[in-house]
Amino acid sequence: MERLRKTASKKIYHDDPIETYVVLARGYSFWMLHEGYEENKEFLEEIKVERDRYDEAIKKRSEEEKKKIEEMISMYKWKDKNYGSGPIKKLYKVERFNM
């Protein structure tokens, strides 16, 4: 779990974000995506606690910030679904043009 916390810190704060909503969206997304990875199965309850901590903070934000956060979370979900980000996921070559 300590490895995950260090990775989360690097992923969430990698470019020193100023906006709180960016930190919340990245944090929630990180824990949400990592709860689905098979190699994290033994830490599932701890991962859910971390995710829920971000979820509670998001609920306290303004409607405008919540909308921005949801857009970012949707982007991270899409990225994970289409490209994968976990260590056990396989990347497939995407052909640019199907002719």
Protein backbone atom coordinates (compact mmCIF):
# COMPACT_ATOMS: atom_id res chain seq x y z
CA MET A 1 0.00 0.00 0.00
CA GLU A 2 2.90 2.33 0.69
CA ARG A 3 4.02 1.88 -2.92
CA LEU A 4 0.57 2.98 -4.09
CA ARG A 5 0.58 6.05 -1.85
CA LYS A 6 3.97 7.14 -3.25
CA THR A 7 2.76 6.56 -6.81
CA ALA A 8 -0.44 8.50 -6.09
CA SER A 9 1.55 11.44 -4.79
CA LYS A 10 3.69 11.50 -7.93
CA LYS A 11 0.70 11.20 -10.26
CA ILE A 12 -1.49 13.73 -8.48
CA TYR A 13 1.12 16.43 -7.89
CA HIS A 14 3.47 15.81 -10.85
CA ASP A 15 3.21 19.36 -12.16
CA ASP A 16 2.47 21.25 -8.92
CA PRO A 17 -1.19 22.00 -9.72
CA ILE A 18 -2.51 25.22 -8.26
CA GLU A 19 -6.22 24.50 -8.66
CA THR A 20 -7.75 22.39 -5.89
CA TYR A 21 -10.24 20.80 -8.28
CA VAL A 22 -7.35 19.34 -10.32
CA VAL A 23 -5.89 17.68 -7.22
CA LEU A 24 -9.31 16.30 -6.24
CA ALA A 25 -10.03 14.95 -9.73
CA ARG A 26 -6.62 13.33 -10.05
CA GLY A 27 -6.77 11.87 -6.55
CA TYR A 28 -10.25 10.42 -6.96
CA SER A 29 -9.40 9.04 -10.41
CA PHE A 30 -6.16 7.45 -9.23
CA TRP A 31 -7.81 5.52 -6.42
CA MET A 32 -10.92 4.70 -8.45
CA LEU A 33 -8.87 3.17 -11.27
CA HIS A 34 -6.47 1.33 -8.96
CA GLU A 35 -9.26 -0.40 -7.09
CA GLY A 36 -9.93 -2.38 -10.27
CA TYR A 37 -6.40 -3.66 -10.76
CA GLU A 38 -5.91 -7.31 -9.84
CA GLU A 39 -2.50 -6.71 -8.23
CA ASN A 40 -4.11 -4.31 -5.73
CA LYS A 41 -6.73 -6.80 -4.55
CA GLU A 42 -5.19 -7.18 -1.08
CA PHE A 43 -5.42 -3.41 -0.51
CA LEU A 44 -8.97 -3.00 -1.78
CA GLU A 45 -10.47 -1.70 1.47
CA GLU A 46 -7.68 0.83 1.97
CA ILE A 47 -7.99 1.98 -1.63
CA LYS A 48 -11.74 2.50 -1.18
CA VAL A 49 -11.08 4.59 1.95
CA GLU A 50 -8.67 6.80 -0.02
CA ARG A 51 -11.15 7.14 -2.90
CA ASP A 52 -13.99 7.98 -0.52
CA ARG A 53 -11.87 10.62 1.18
CA TYR A 54 -11.54 12.43 -2.15
CA ASP A 55 -15.23 11.86 -2.88
CA GLU A 56 -16.23 13.60 0.36
CA ALA A 57 -13.97 16.56 -0.44
CA ILE A 58 -15.47 16.80 -3.94
CA LYS A 59 -19.01 16.89 -2.53
CA LYS A 60 -18.09 20.05 -0.59
CA ARG A 61 -17.00 21.98 -3.69
CA SER A 62 -19.09 24.46 -5.66
CA GLU A 63 -21.28 23.24 -8.52
CA GLU A 64 -18.90 24.84 -11.02
CA GLU A 65 -15.90 23.01 -9.57
CA LYS A 66 -17.86 19.74 -9.34
CA LYS A 67 -18.59 20.00 -13.06
CA LYS A 68 -14.88 20.52 -13.86
CA ILE A 69 -13.95 17.61 -11.59
CA GLU A 70 -16.49 15.29 -13.22
CA GLU A 71 -15.17 16.23 -16.66
CA MET A 72 -11.62 15.39 -15.60
CA ILE A 73 -12.70 12.10 -13.99
CA SER A 74 -14.53 11.18 -17.19
CA MET A 75 -11.39 11.93 -19.18
CA TYR A 76 -9.28 9.69 -16.92
CA LYS A 77 -11.85 6.88 -17.20
CA TRP A 78 -11.85 7.21 -20.99
CA LYS A 79 -8.06 7.23 -21.10
CA ASP A 80 -7.86 4.11 -18.93
CA LYS A 81 -10.51 2.31 -20.97
CA ASN A 82 -8.92 3.14 -24.30
CA TYR A 83 -5.22 3.10 -23.52
CA GLY A 84 -4.87 1.38 -20.15
CA SER A 85 -2.72 2.71 -17.37
CA GLY A 86 -2.28 -0.21 -15.02
CA PRO A 87 0.81 -2.38 -15.01
CA ILE A 88 -1.10 -5.51 -16.03
CA LYS A 89 -2.96 -3.98 -18.93
CA LYS A 90 -1.71 -4.63 -22.44
CA LEU A 91 -1.34 -1.83 -24.91
CA TYR A 92 -2.50 -2.55 -28.41
CA LYS A 93 -1.32 -0.83 -31.53
CA VAL A 94 -4.01 1.49 -32.78
CA GLU A 95 -4.12 1.93 -36.49
CA ARG A 96 -4.57 5.50 -37.48
CA PHE A 97 -6.55 4.88 -40.63
CA ASN A 98 -8.70 1.91 -41.43
CA MET A 99 -8.76 1.64 -45.20
